[in-house]
Structure formats: C-alpha cells, structure tokens
Amino acid sequence: MTRRHRIPSSCVACDLRGLEVLLPHLAGLVSVDEVERAPGVIRIVARARASEGLCPACGTASSRVHGRYERSLGDSAMGGSAVVIRLRIRRFLCRKPECTTVTFAE
C-alpha cells in the first residue's frame, strides 16, 4: 500500500528540521513538496529554495525561468527502505546580452 503525504506550506519549516537530520547534504538547499512511502522505497519530491540562479559564465543573477525538469537522485537506505529524491530543477535565461551562456540550470 502506497501512502502519499503532501506537506502543507505551513509545515515545510518543521519538515526541514527533520531533513537536516536525515539528509543533511540537502537541508539548506531544498524545500520538500511531497513525501511518498511505498513498500521498500521512500520518495521525496523537492525543489530549490533560491528564487534566482547565477550564470556560471558571467555571474549575472537571473530569475527568468526558461523551463523545468526533474532529476532523480539515489540516496542511502533509511529505515530499511531505499530513498529516491526527485529534484525539480529550473533552467534560467542569462540576462546579460553579451554572455555566451544562453540558459543554465540551477
């Protein structure tokens, strides 16, 4: 039986405290949107907390989103279950006209 738990926005801060303990390498970077437990696996859907990204070529900040995609990260087992983290990634447009990097991922 699969149990899916959507975390209300009012509860995200509480959940991040738990995330710091369980997944310390992600705690400062992501907001958890959803946690799903199925037999033998825990799936966490998360997204970046930052409102903008920095172009890796010129360092210009951009909040203009070009598109989105998901990456799946495998992590170690937790409580006897495998953990899969799905990160929702945004692609930004570089706002500096003379920069050779048109889009970049956060």
Protein backbone atom coordinates (compact mmCIF):
# COMPACT_ATOMS: atom_id res chain seq x y z
CA MET A 1 0.00 0.00 0.00
CA THR A 2 1.39 3.38 -1.02
CA ARG A 3 0.98 6.30 1.34
CA ARG A 4 1.42 9.75 -0.17
CA HIS A 5 1.78 12.77 2.07
CA ARG A 6 1.66 16.29 0.68
CA ILE A 7 3.29 18.69 3.06
CA PRO A 8 1.27 21.90 3.64
CA SER A 9 3.27 25.11 3.21
CA SER A 10 2.78 25.89 6.91
CA CYS A 11 4.56 22.64 7.78
CA VAL A 12 7.59 22.96 5.48
CA ALA A 13 9.76 24.60 8.17
CA CYS A 14 9.01 21.71 10.55
CA ASP A 15 9.85 19.20 7.84
CA LEU A 16 13.14 20.90 7.04
CA ARG A 17 14.31 20.39 10.63
CA GLY A 18 13.80 16.66 10.09
CA LEU A 19 15.50 16.88 6.72
CA GLU A 20 18.60 18.40 8.35
CA VAL A 21 18.95 15.25 10.45
CA LEU A 22 18.06 12.68 7.80
CA LEU A 23 19.57 14.29 4.68
CA PRO A 24 21.98 16.98 5.90
CA HIS A 25 23.51 17.47 2.43
CA LEU A 26 20.15 18.80 1.12
CA ALA A 27 18.67 20.62 4.13
CA GLY A 28 19.86 24.14 3.27
CA LEU A 29 19.15 23.81 -0.43
CA VAL A 30 15.67 22.46 -0.96
CA SER A 31 12.03 22.76 0.06
CA VAL A 32 10.22 19.44 0.38
CA ASP A 33 6.95 19.33 -1.58
CA GLU A 34 5.92 15.71 -1.14
CA VAL A 35 6.94 12.54 0.68
CA GLU A 36 5.66 9.17 -0.51
CA ARG A 37 6.26 5.81 1.15
CA ALA A 38 5.76 2.63 -0.84
CA PRO A 39 6.91 -0.90 0.04
CA GLY A 40 10.70 -0.79 0.17
CA VAL A 41 11.09 2.83 -1.00
CA ILE A 42 10.68 6.39 0.23
CA ARG A 43 10.28 9.06 -2.48
CA ILE A 44 10.91 12.70 -1.68
CA VAL A 45 9.94 15.44 -4.18
CA ALA A 46 11.84 18.66 -3.58
CA ARG A 47 12.78 21.92 -5.29
CA ALA A 48 15.44 24.55 -4.83
CA ARG A 49 14.76 27.24 -2.25
CA ALA A 50 16.58 30.05 -4.09
CA SER A 51 14.44 32.43 -6.14
CA GLU A 52 17.18 33.03 -8.72
CA GLY A 53 20.30 31.45 -10.15
CA LEU A 54 23.73 32.78 -11.06
CA CYS A 55 25.03 32.32 -14.60
CA PRO A 56 28.15 30.14 -14.32
CA ALA A 57 29.86 32.03 -17.16
CA CYS A 58 29.35 35.69 -16.20
CA GLY A 59 27.90 35.57 -12.66
CA THR A 60 24.77 37.57 -13.56
CA ALA A 61 21.73 36.78 -11.37
CA SER A 62 18.58 35.71 -13.19
CA SER A 63 15.08 34.86 -12.01
CA ARG A 64 13.70 34.42 -15.53
CA VAL A 65 12.82 30.73 -15.87
CA HIS A 66 13.25 29.12 -19.29
CA GLY A 67 11.94 25.66 -18.35
CA ARG A 68 11.82 22.93 -15.72
CA TYR A 69 12.77 19.27 -15.47
CA GLU A 70 13.30 16.64 -12.78
CA ARG A 71 16.41 14.80 -11.70
CA SER A 72 16.29 11.64 -9.61
CA LEU A 73 18.97 11.15 -7.02
CA GLY A 74 19.58 7.85 -5.32
CA ASP A 75 20.44 8.03 -1.65
CA SER A 76 21.31 5.50 1.03
CA ALA A 77 18.67 3.41 2.73
CA MET A 78 16.60 4.93 5.52
CA GLY A 79 14.76 2.72 7.98
CA GLY A 80 15.30 -0.33 5.77
CA SER A 81 13.86 1.39 2.67
CA ALA A 82 15.63 2.78 -0.36
CA VAL A 83 15.36 6.56 -0.74
CA VAL A 84 14.75 8.30 -4.07
CA ILE A 85 14.91 12.08 -4.17
CA ARG A 86 13.28 13.82 -7.16
CA LEU A 87 14.56 17.37 -7.53
CA ARG A 88 12.56 19.82 -9.61
CA ILE A 89 15.21 21.82 -11.45
CA ARG A 90 14.73 25.14 -13.24
CA ARG A 91 16.64 26.37 -16.30
CA PHE A 92 17.27 30.10 -16.27
CA LEU A 93 17.94 32.53 -19.12
CA CYS A 94 21.08 34.64 -18.71
CA ARG A 95 20.05 38.29 -18.77
CA LYS A 96 23.43 39.64 -19.93
CA PRO A 97 23.22 40.05 -23.76
CA GLU A 98 26.96 39.64 -24.37
CA CYS A 99 27.22 36.38 -22.35
CA THR A 100 27.75 33.24 -24.45
CA THR A 101 25.70 31.12 -22.00
CA VAL A 102 22.06 31.45 -23.05
CA THR A 103 20.48 29.10 -20.49
CA PHE A 104 21.80 27.40 -17.35
CA ALA A 105 20.48 25.02 -14.71
CA GLU A 106 20.24 25.98 -11.07
